[in-house]
Amino acid sequence: MIGVNRLNSASGLQNLDLIDLLSERHTLVRRISEKAWNDQSDIYISNSEWYIMARIYKKRPTISYVTKNVEISRQATHKFMKNLAAKGLVEISNAENNKKEKCIQLTVLGEECYEKNAALKEQFENKIAEKIGAEQVKILKELLKLDWGIE
């Protein structure tokens, strides 16, 4: 498999199948997105932490709901939630209707970080659109949203 760091042009992608192309592009855009945030912020946030923050933004889900609905192991999800809490980005509290259940939500700082990162990702998307065309980006997004019938 060709690693992203070894791809020095689009020609390195020419012989890859769909699965490897998706993987290469995903890894590349995630690395660039993470670097853009970390270059402008003192708070390091990993891609997995962003993934969890996206699931709880403007919500107050239970921890068990989040762990069941992310593609990360339960143990790792709990570790990331502890890290986020230690950074002051989330707060964990008791659920109103169940004393055993805990809820998680973004703090004011967490929401600010999430919104600043969303703006960075929008800038990145605009750069991609400048390169491949806004209509192509729109089509790509629509294709990725379709039900591929593979689950």
N, C-alpha and C. Protein backbone atom coordinates (compact mmCIF):
# COMPACT_ATOMS: atom_id res chain seq x y z
N MET A 1 0.83 -1.18 0.00
CA MET A 1 0.00 0.00 0.00
C MET A 1 0.88 1.24 0.00
N ILE A 2 0.48 2.22 -0.72
CA ILE A 2 1.24 3.46 -0.83
C ILE A 2 0.87 4.37 0.33
N GLY A 3 1.85 4.83 1.07
CA GLY A 3 1.59 5.75 2.18
C GLY A 3 1.44 7.17 1.67
N VAL A 4 0.64 7.96 2.37
CA VAL A 4 0.39 9.34 1.96
C VAL A 4 1.68 10.13 1.88
N ASN A 5 2.57 9.91 2.81
CA ASN A 5 3.81 10.66 2.81
C ASN A 5 4.69 10.36 1.61
N ARG A 6 4.47 9.22 0.97
CA ARG A 6 5.28 8.87 -0.20
C ARG A 6 4.63 9.29 -1.50
N LEU A 7 3.40 9.78 -1.44
CA LEU A 7 2.74 10.23 -2.66
C LEU A 7 3.20 11.66 -2.94
N ASN A 8 3.94 11.84 -4.01
CA ASN A 8 4.39 13.18 -4.30
C ASN A 8 3.61 13.80 -5.46
N SER A 9 2.66 13.07 -5.99
CA SER A 9 1.78 13.64 -7.01
C SER A 9 0.57 12.75 -7.16
N ALA A 10 -0.41 13.25 -7.90
CA ALA A 10 -1.62 12.48 -8.14
C ALA A 10 -1.32 11.21 -8.93
N SER A 11 -0.17 11.17 -9.62
CA SER A 11 0.17 9.98 -10.40
C SER A 11 0.33 8.75 -9.51
N GLY A 12 0.73 8.95 -8.25
CA GLY A 12 0.85 7.84 -7.32
C GLY A 12 -0.48 7.21 -6.96
N LEU A 13 -1.56 7.90 -7.27
CA LEU A 13 -2.91 7.40 -6.96
C LEU A 13 -3.53 6.63 -8.12
N GLN A 14 -2.95 6.72 -9.29
CA GLN A 14 -3.58 6.21 -10.50
C GLN A 14 -3.93 4.73 -10.47
N ASN A 15 -3.14 3.91 -9.82
CA ASN A 15 -3.38 2.47 -9.86
C ASN A 15 -4.08 1.93 -8.62
N LEU A 16 -4.58 2.83 -7.77
CA LEU A 16 -5.26 2.39 -6.55
C LEU A 16 -6.73 2.11 -6.82
N ASP A 17 -7.28 1.15 -6.09
CA ASP A 17 -8.71 0.88 -6.20
C ASP A 17 -9.48 1.88 -5.33
N LEU A 18 -10.80 1.83 -5.38
CA LEU A 18 -11.64 2.78 -4.67
C LEU A 18 -11.35 2.81 -3.17
N ILE A 19 -11.23 1.65 -2.57
CA ILE A 19 -11.02 1.58 -1.12
C ILE A 19 -9.71 2.27 -0.74
N ASP A 20 -8.64 1.98 -1.47
CA ASP A 20 -7.35 2.60 -1.17
C ASP A 20 -7.34 4.09 -1.49
N LEU A 21 -8.05 4.49 -2.55
CA LEU A 21 -8.15 5.93 -2.85
C LEU A 21 -8.85 6.68 -1.72
N LEU A 22 -9.97 6.13 -1.26
CA LEU A 22 -10.68 6.76 -0.15
C LEU A 22 -9.79 6.84 1.08
N SER A 23 -9.08 5.77 1.36
CA SER A 23 -8.19 5.74 2.52
C SER A 23 -7.08 6.77 2.40
N GLU A 24 -6.44 6.84 1.24
CA GLU A 24 -5.35 7.80 1.03
C GLU A 24 -5.82 9.23 1.20
N ARG A 25 -6.95 9.55 0.56
CA ARG A 25 -7.47 10.92 0.65
C ARG A 25 -7.92 11.25 2.06
N HIS A 26 -8.57 10.29 2.73
CA HIS A 26 -9.01 10.51 4.10
C HIS A 26 -7.82 10.80 5.01
N THR A 27 -6.80 9.98 4.91
CA THR A 27 -5.61 10.17 5.74
C THR A 27 -4.97 11.53 5.46
N LEU A 28 -4.88 11.89 4.20
CA LEU A 28 -4.28 13.17 3.82
C LEU A 28 -5.06 14.35 4.37
N VAL A 29 -6.36 14.37 4.14
CA VAL A 29 -7.14 15.53 4.59
C VAL A 29 -7.23 15.60 6.11
N ARG A 30 -7.27 14.47 6.78
CA ARG A 30 -7.28 14.47 8.25
C ARG A 30 -5.95 15.00 8.79
N ARG A 31 -4.84 14.58 8.18
CA ARG A 31 -3.53 15.05 8.63
C ARG A 31 -3.42 16.57 8.43
N ILE A 32 -3.86 17.07 7.28
CA ILE A 32 -3.79 18.51 7.00
C ILE A 32 -4.71 19.28 7.94
N SER A 33 -5.90 18.76 8.17
CA SER A 33 -6.86 19.41 9.05
C SER A 33 -6.35 19.47 10.48
N GLU A 34 -5.81 18.35 10.96
CA GLU A 34 -5.27 18.31 12.32
C GLU A 34 -4.10 19.28 12.46
N LYS A 35 -3.22 19.33 11.46
CA LYS A 35 -2.07 20.23 11.50
C LYS A 35 -2.52 21.69 11.49
N ALA A 36 -3.53 22.02 10.68
CA ALA A 36 -4.03 23.40 10.62
C ALA A 36 -4.50 23.85 12.00
N TRP A 37 -5.22 22.98 12.71
CA TRP A 37 -5.67 23.34 14.05
C TRP A 37 -4.49 23.48 15.00
N ASN A 38 -3.64 22.48 15.02
CA ASN A 38 -2.55 22.45 16.00
C ASN A 38 -1.51 23.54 15.75
N ASP A 39 -1.40 24.04 14.50
CA ASP A 39 -0.50 25.15 14.22
C ASP A 39 -1.00 26.47 14.78
N GLN A 40 -2.31 26.59 15.01
CA GLN A 40 -2.85 27.87 15.46
C GLN A 40 -3.41 27.82 16.87
N SER A 41 -3.28 26.69 17.55
CA SER A 41 -3.86 26.57 18.88
C SER A 41 -2.87 25.95 19.87
N ASP A 42 -3.00 26.34 21.12
CA ASP A 42 -2.19 25.75 22.18
C ASP A 42 -2.81 24.45 22.70
N ILE A 43 -4.06 24.19 22.32
CA ILE A 43 -4.76 22.99 22.78
C ILE A 43 -4.67 21.94 21.69
N TYR A 44 -3.88 20.90 21.93
CA TYR A 44 -3.78 19.81 20.96
C TYR A 44 -5.04 18.96 21.04
N ILE A 45 -5.65 18.73 19.87
CA ILE A 45 -6.85 17.89 19.79
C ILE A 45 -6.62 16.90 18.66
N SER A 46 -6.69 15.62 19.00
CA SER A 46 -6.45 14.57 18.00
C SER A 46 -7.68 14.40 17.11
N ASN A 47 -7.50 13.73 15.99
CA ASN A 47 -8.63 13.45 15.10
C ASN A 47 -9.72 12.66 15.81
N SER A 48 -9.34 11.72 16.65
CA SER A 48 -10.34 10.93 17.39
C SER A 48 -11.11 11.82 18.37
N GLU A 49 -10.43 12.76 18.98
CA GLU A 49 -11.11 13.68 19.88
C GLU A 49 -12.08 14.59 19.10
N TRP A 50 -11.66 15.05 17.91
CA TRP A 50 -12.57 15.84 17.07
C TRP A 50 -13.80 15.02 16.69
N TYR A 51 -13.57 13.76 16.40
CA TYR A 51 -14.64 12.84 16.01
C TYR A 51 -15.68 12.76 17.12
N ILE A 52 -15.23 12.63 18.36
CA ILE A 52 -16.15 12.57 19.50
C ILE A 52 -16.82 13.93 19.70
N MET A 53 -16.06 15.00 19.60
CA MET A 53 -16.64 16.33 19.77
C MET A 53 -17.75 16.59 18.75
N ALA A 54 -17.55 16.11 17.53
CA ALA A 54 -18.57 16.29 16.49
C ALA A 54 -19.86 15.57 16.86
N ARG A 55 -19.75 14.45 17.55
CA ARG A 55 -20.94 13.68 17.93
C ARG A 55 -21.71 14.32 19.08
N ILE A 56 -21.05 15.19 19.84
CA ILE A 56 -21.73 15.78 21.00
C ILE A 56 -21.98 17.28 20.85
N TYR A 57 -21.51 17.89 19.77
CA TYR A 57 -21.68 19.33 19.56
C TYR A 57 -23.17 19.69 19.59
N LYS A 58 -23.51 20.64 20.44
CA LYS A 58 -24.88 21.14 20.62
C LYS A 58 -25.85 20.05 21.11
N LYS A 59 -25.30 18.99 21.72
CA LYS A 59 -26.13 17.92 22.27
C LYS A 59 -25.65 17.60 23.67
N ARG A 60 -26.37 16.74 24.33
CA ARG A 60 -25.97 16.27 25.67
C ARG A 60 -26.26 14.77 25.74
N PRO A 61 -25.55 13.99 24.92
CA PRO A 61 -25.82 12.54 24.89
C PRO A 61 -25.22 11.84 26.11
N THR A 62 -25.68 10.63 26.34
CA THR A 62 -25.08 9.82 27.40
C THR A 62 -23.74 9.28 26.89
N ILE A 63 -22.88 8.99 27.82
CA ILE A 63 -21.58 8.42 27.46
C ILE A 63 -21.77 7.09 26.76
N SER A 64 -22.72 6.27 27.23
CA SER A 64 -22.95 4.97 26.59
C SER A 64 -23.44 5.16 25.15
N TYR A 65 -24.26 6.18 24.90
CA TYR A 65 -24.72 6.44 23.53
C TYR A 65 -23.52 6.79 22.64
N VAL A 66 -22.64 7.64 23.12
CA VAL A 66 -21.47 8.04 22.32
C VAL A 66 -20.59 6.82 22.05
N THR A 67 -20.33 6.01 23.06
CA THR A 67 -19.44 4.86 22.86
C THR A 67 -20.02 3.86 21.87
N LYS A 68 -21.34 3.76 21.80
CA LYS A 68 -21.99 2.84 20.86
C LYS A 68 -22.05 3.39 19.45
N ASN A 69 -21.91 4.71 19.30
CA ASN A 69 -22.12 5.34 18.00
C ASN A 69 -20.88 5.98 17.40
N VAL A 70 -19.73 5.59 17.86
CA VAL A 70 -18.48 6.01 17.23
C VAL A 70 -17.72 4.75 16.85
N GLU A 71 -16.89 4.86 15.86
CA GLU A 71 -16.12 3.71 15.37
C GLU A 71 -14.78 3.61 16.09
N ILE A 72 -14.85 3.70 17.41
CA ILE A 72 -13.67 3.62 18.26
C ILE A 72 -14.05 2.66 19.39
N SER A 73 -13.10 1.90 19.87
CA SER A 73 -13.41 0.96 20.95
C SER A 73 -13.95 1.71 22.17
N ARG A 74 -14.72 1.01 22.98
CA ARG A 74 -15.30 1.60 24.17
C ARG A 74 -14.22 2.15 25.10
N GLN A 75 -13.16 1.36 25.29
CA GLN A 75 -12.08 1.78 26.18
C GLN A 75 -11.38 3.04 25.65
N ALA A 76 -11.12 3.07 24.36
CA ALA A 76 -10.46 4.23 23.77
C ALA A 76 -11.37 5.46 23.84
N THR A 77 -12.66 5.26 23.60
CA THR A 77 -13.61 6.38 23.67
C THR A 77 -13.60 6.99 25.07
N HIS A 78 -13.61 6.14 26.09
CA HIS A 78 -13.56 6.65 27.47
C HIS A 78 -12.25 7.41 27.73
N LYS A 79 -11.15 6.90 27.20
CA LYS A 79 -9.86 7.58 27.36
C LYS A 79 -9.90 8.96 26.69
N PHE A 80 -10.45 9.02 25.48
CA PHE A 80 -10.53 10.31 24.78
C PHE A 80 -11.44 11.28 25.52
N MET A 81 -12.54 10.77 26.09
CA MET A 81 -13.44 11.64 26.85
C MET A 81 -12.73 12.19 28.09
N LYS A 82 -11.93 11.36 28.77
CA LYS A 82 -11.16 11.83 29.93
C LYS A 82 -10.17 12.91 29.50
N ASN A 83 -9.50 12.68 28.36
CA ASN A 83 -8.55 13.67 27.84
C ASN A 83 -9.26 14.99 27.54
N LEU A 84 -10.42 14.90 26.90
CA LEU A 84 -11.18 16.11 26.56
C LEU A 84 -11.61 16.85 27.83
N ALA A 85 -12.01 16.10 28.84
CA ALA A 85 -12.41 16.73 30.11
C ALA A 85 -11.20 17.40 30.77
N ALA A 86 -10.04 16.74 30.74
CA ALA A 86 -8.83 17.30 31.34
C ALA A 86 -8.41 18.60 30.64
N LYS A 87 -8.71 18.71 29.36
CA LYS A 87 -8.38 19.92 28.59
C LYS A 87 -9.45 21.01 28.77
N GLY A 88 -10.51 20.68 29.48
CA GLY A 88 -11.58 21.66 29.70
C GLY A 88 -12.52 21.79 28.52
N LEU A 89 -12.54 20.80 27.63
CA LEU A 89 -13.36 20.88 26.42
C LEU A 89 -14.73 20.24 26.57
N VAL A 90 -14.85 19.30 27.51
CA VAL A 90 -16.15 18.67 27.77
C VAL A 90 -16.38 18.62 29.27
N GLU A 91 -17.65 18.50 29.62
CA GLU A 91 -17.98 18.25 31.01
C GLU A 91 -18.88 17.04 31.07
N ILE A 92 -18.67 16.25 32.09
CA ILE A 92 -19.41 15.01 32.29
C ILE A 92 -20.26 15.21 33.53
N SER A 93 -21.55 14.88 33.40
CA SER A 93 -22.46 15.06 34.53
C SER A 93 -23.43 13.89 34.61
N ASN A 94 -24.12 13.80 35.73
CA ASN A 94 -25.11 12.75 35.90
C ASN A 94 -26.31 13.00 34.99
N ALA A 95 -26.86 11.92 34.45
CA ALA A 95 -28.08 12.03 33.66
C ALA A 95 -29.23 12.35 34.61
N GLU A 96 -30.22 13.08 34.12
CA GLU A 96 -31.33 13.49 34.98
C GLU A 96 -32.20 12.31 35.41
N ASN A 97 -32.43 11.37 34.52
CA ASN A 97 -33.39 10.30 34.78
C ASN A 97 -32.75 8.98 35.22
N ASN A 98 -31.42 8.93 35.29
CA ASN A 98 -30.75 7.67 35.62
C ASN A 98 -29.44 7.99 36.34
N LYS A 99 -29.38 7.66 37.62
CA LYS A 99 -28.20 8.02 38.42
C LYS A 99 -26.93 7.27 38.00
N LYS A 100 -27.09 6.11 37.34
CA LYS A 100 -25.93 5.35 36.88
C LYS A 100 -25.36 5.93 35.59
N GLU A 101 -26.19 6.57 34.82
CA GLU A 101 -25.80 7.06 33.49
C GLU A 101 -25.16 8.45 33.60
N LYS A 102 -24.13 8.68 32.79
CA LYS A 102 -23.46 9.98 32.72
C LYS A 102 -23.71 10.59 31.35
N CYS A 103 -23.82 11.92 31.34
CA CYS A 103 -23.98 12.65 30.08
C CYS A 103 -22.71 13.44 29.82
N ILE A 104 -22.50 13.76 28.57
CA ILE A 104 -21.32 14.53 28.18
C ILE A 104 -21.75 15.67 27.27
N GLN A 105 -21.13 16.81 27.45
CA GLN A 105 -21.40 17.94 26.56
C GLN A 105 -20.16 18.82 26.47
N LEU A 106 -20.11 19.58 25.41
CA LEU A 106 -18.98 20.50 25.23
C LEU A 106 -19.12 21.66 26.20
N THR A 107 -18.01 22.11 26.72
CA THR A 107 -17.98 23.34 27.52
C THR A 107 -18.01 24.52 26.56
N VAL A 108 -18.07 25.72 27.10
CA VAL A 108 -18.00 26.92 26.26
C VAL A 108 -16.70 26.90 25.46
N LEU A 109 -15.59 26.56 26.12
CA LEU A 109 -14.30 26.45 25.42
C LEU A 109 -14.37 25.38 24.33
N GLY A 110 -14.97 24.25 24.65
CA GLY A 110 -15.10 23.17 23.66
C GLY A 110 -15.89 23.61 22.44
N GLU A 111 -16.97 24.34 22.66
CA GLU A 111 -17.77 24.84 21.53
C GLU A 111 -16.97 25.85 20.71
N GLU A 112 -16.23 26.72 21.39
CA GLU A 112 -15.41 27.71 20.68
C GLU A 112 -14.37 27.00 19.80
N CYS A 113 -13.70 26.00 20.37
CA CYS A 113 -12.70 25.25 19.61
C CYS A 113 -13.36 24.54 18.42
N TYR A 114 -14.48 23.90 18.67
CA TYR A 114 -15.17 23.18 17.61
C TYR A 114 -15.55 24.13 16.47
N GLU A 115 -16.07 25.30 16.80
CA GLU A 115 -16.49 26.26 15.78
C GLU A 115 -15.30 26.86 15.03
N LYS A 116 -14.20 27.11 15.74
CA LYS A 116 -12.98 27.60 15.06
C LYS A 116 -12.44 26.54 14.11
N ASN A 117 -12.48 25.28 14.54
CA ASN A 117 -12.01 24.20 13.67
C ASN A 117 -12.93 24.04 12.46
N ALA A 118 -14.23 24.21 12.66
CA ALA A 118 -15.17 24.14 11.54
C ALA A 118 -14.84 25.21 10.50
N ALA A 119 -14.46 26.39 10.96
CA ALA A 119 -14.07 27.46 10.03
C ALA A 119 -12.78 27.09 9.29
N LEU A 120 -11.82 26.48 9.99
CA LEU A 120 -10.59 26.03 9.32
C LEU A 120 -10.90 24.97 8.26
N LYS A 121 -11.80 24.04 8.58
CA LYS A 121 -12.16 23.00 7.62
C LYS A 121 -12.89 23.60 6.42
N GLU A 122 -13.68 24.63 6.66
CA GLU A 122 -14.37 25.30 5.55
C GLU A 122 -13.35 25.97 4.62
N GLN A 123 -12.32 26.60 5.20
CA GLN A 123 -11.26 27.20 4.39
C GLN A 123 -10.55 26.13 3.56
N PHE A 124 -10.30 24.99 4.18
CA PHE A 124 -9.65 23.88 3.50
C PHE A 124 -10.53 23.37 2.35
N GLU A 125 -11.82 23.24 2.62
CA GLU A 125 -12.75 22.81 1.58
C GLU A 125 -12.76 23.81 0.43
N ASN A 126 -12.69 25.09 0.73
CA ASN A 126 -12.66 26.12 -0.31
C ASN A 126 -11.39 26.02 -1.16
N LYS A 127 -10.26 25.68 -0.51
CA LYS A 127 -9.02 25.49 -1.27
C LYS A 127 -9.14 24.31 -2.23
N ILE A 128 -9.78 23.24 -1.75
CA ILE A 128 -10.01 22.08 -2.61
C ILE A 128 -10.90 22.48 -3.78
N ALA A 129 -11.94 23.25 -3.49
CA ALA A 129 -12.87 23.70 -4.54
C ALA A 129 -12.16 24.58 -5.56
N GLU A 130 -11.22 25.40 -5.11
CA GLU A 130 -10.44 26.22 -6.04
C GLU A 130 -9.63 25.35 -6.99
N LYS A 131 -9.16 24.24 -6.47
CA LYS A 131 -8.30 23.35 -7.27
C LYS A 131 -9.11 22.46 -8.21
N ILE A 132 -10.20 21.84 -7.70
CA ILE A 132 -10.93 20.88 -8.53
C ILE A 132 -12.27 21.40 -9.02
N GLY A 133 -12.71 22.55 -8.49
CA GLY A 133 -13.97 23.15 -8.90
C GLY A 133 -15.07 22.95 -7.86
N ALA A 134 -15.84 24.00 -7.64
CA ALA A 134 -16.90 23.96 -6.64
C ALA A 134 -17.95 22.90 -6.99
N GLU A 135 -18.27 22.77 -8.27
CA GLU A 135 -19.26 21.78 -8.67
C GLU A 135 -18.77 20.36 -8.41
N GLN A 136 -17.49 20.11 -8.62
CA GLN A 136 -16.92 18.79 -8.35
C GLN A 136 -16.99 18.46 -6.85
N VAL A 137 -16.71 19.46 -6.01
CA VAL A 137 -16.79 19.26 -4.56
C VAL A 137 -18.24 18.95 -4.18
N LYS A 138 -19.18 19.69 -4.77
CA LYS A 138 -20.60 19.45 -4.48
C LYS A 138 -20.99 18.03 -4.88
N ILE A 139 -20.58 17.60 -6.05
CA ILE A 139 -20.88 16.24 -6.53
C ILE A 139 -20.24 15.20 -5.61
N LEU A 140 -18.98 15.42 -5.24
CA LEU A 140 -18.29 14.49 -4.36
C LEU A 140 -19.02 14.34 -3.03
N LYS A 141 -19.44 15.47 -2.46
CA LYS A 141 -20.16 15.43 -1.19
C LYS A 141 -21.48 14.66 -1.34
N GLU A 142 -22.18 14.89 -2.44
CA GLU A 142 -23.45 14.19 -2.67
C GLU A 142 -23.21 12.69 -2.83
N LEU A 143 -22.17 12.31 -3.55
CA LEU A 143 -21.85 10.89 -3.71
C LEU A 143 -21.53 10.23 -2.38
N LEU A 144 -20.79 10.93 -1.53
CA LEU A 144 -20.41 10.38 -0.24
C LEU A 144 -21.61 10.26 0.70
N LYS A 145 -22.63 11.08 0.50
CA LYS A 145 -23.83 11.04 1.34
C LYS A 145 -24.81 9.95 0.92
N LEU A 146 -24.69 9.45 -0.29
CA LEU A 146 -25.61 8.42 -0.78
C LEU A 146 -25.54 7.16 0.05
N ASP A 147 -26.63 6.42 0.10
CA ASP A 147 -26.64 5.10 0.73
C ASP A 147 -26.01 4.13 -0.28
N TRP A 148 -24.85 3.63 0.06
CA TRP A 148 -24.12 2.74 -0.85
C TRP A 148 -24.60 1.30 -0.72
N GLY A 149 -25.48 1.02 0.21
CA GLY A 149 -26.03 -0.32 0.38
C GLY A 149 -24.98 -1.37 0.73
N ILE A 150 -23.97 -0.99 1.51
CA ILE A 150 -22.88 -1.93 1.79
C ILE A 150 -22.79 -2.28 3.27
N GLU A 151 -23.68 -1.78 4.09
CA GLU A 151 -23.60 -2.11 5.52
C GLU A 151 -24.50 -3.28 5.84
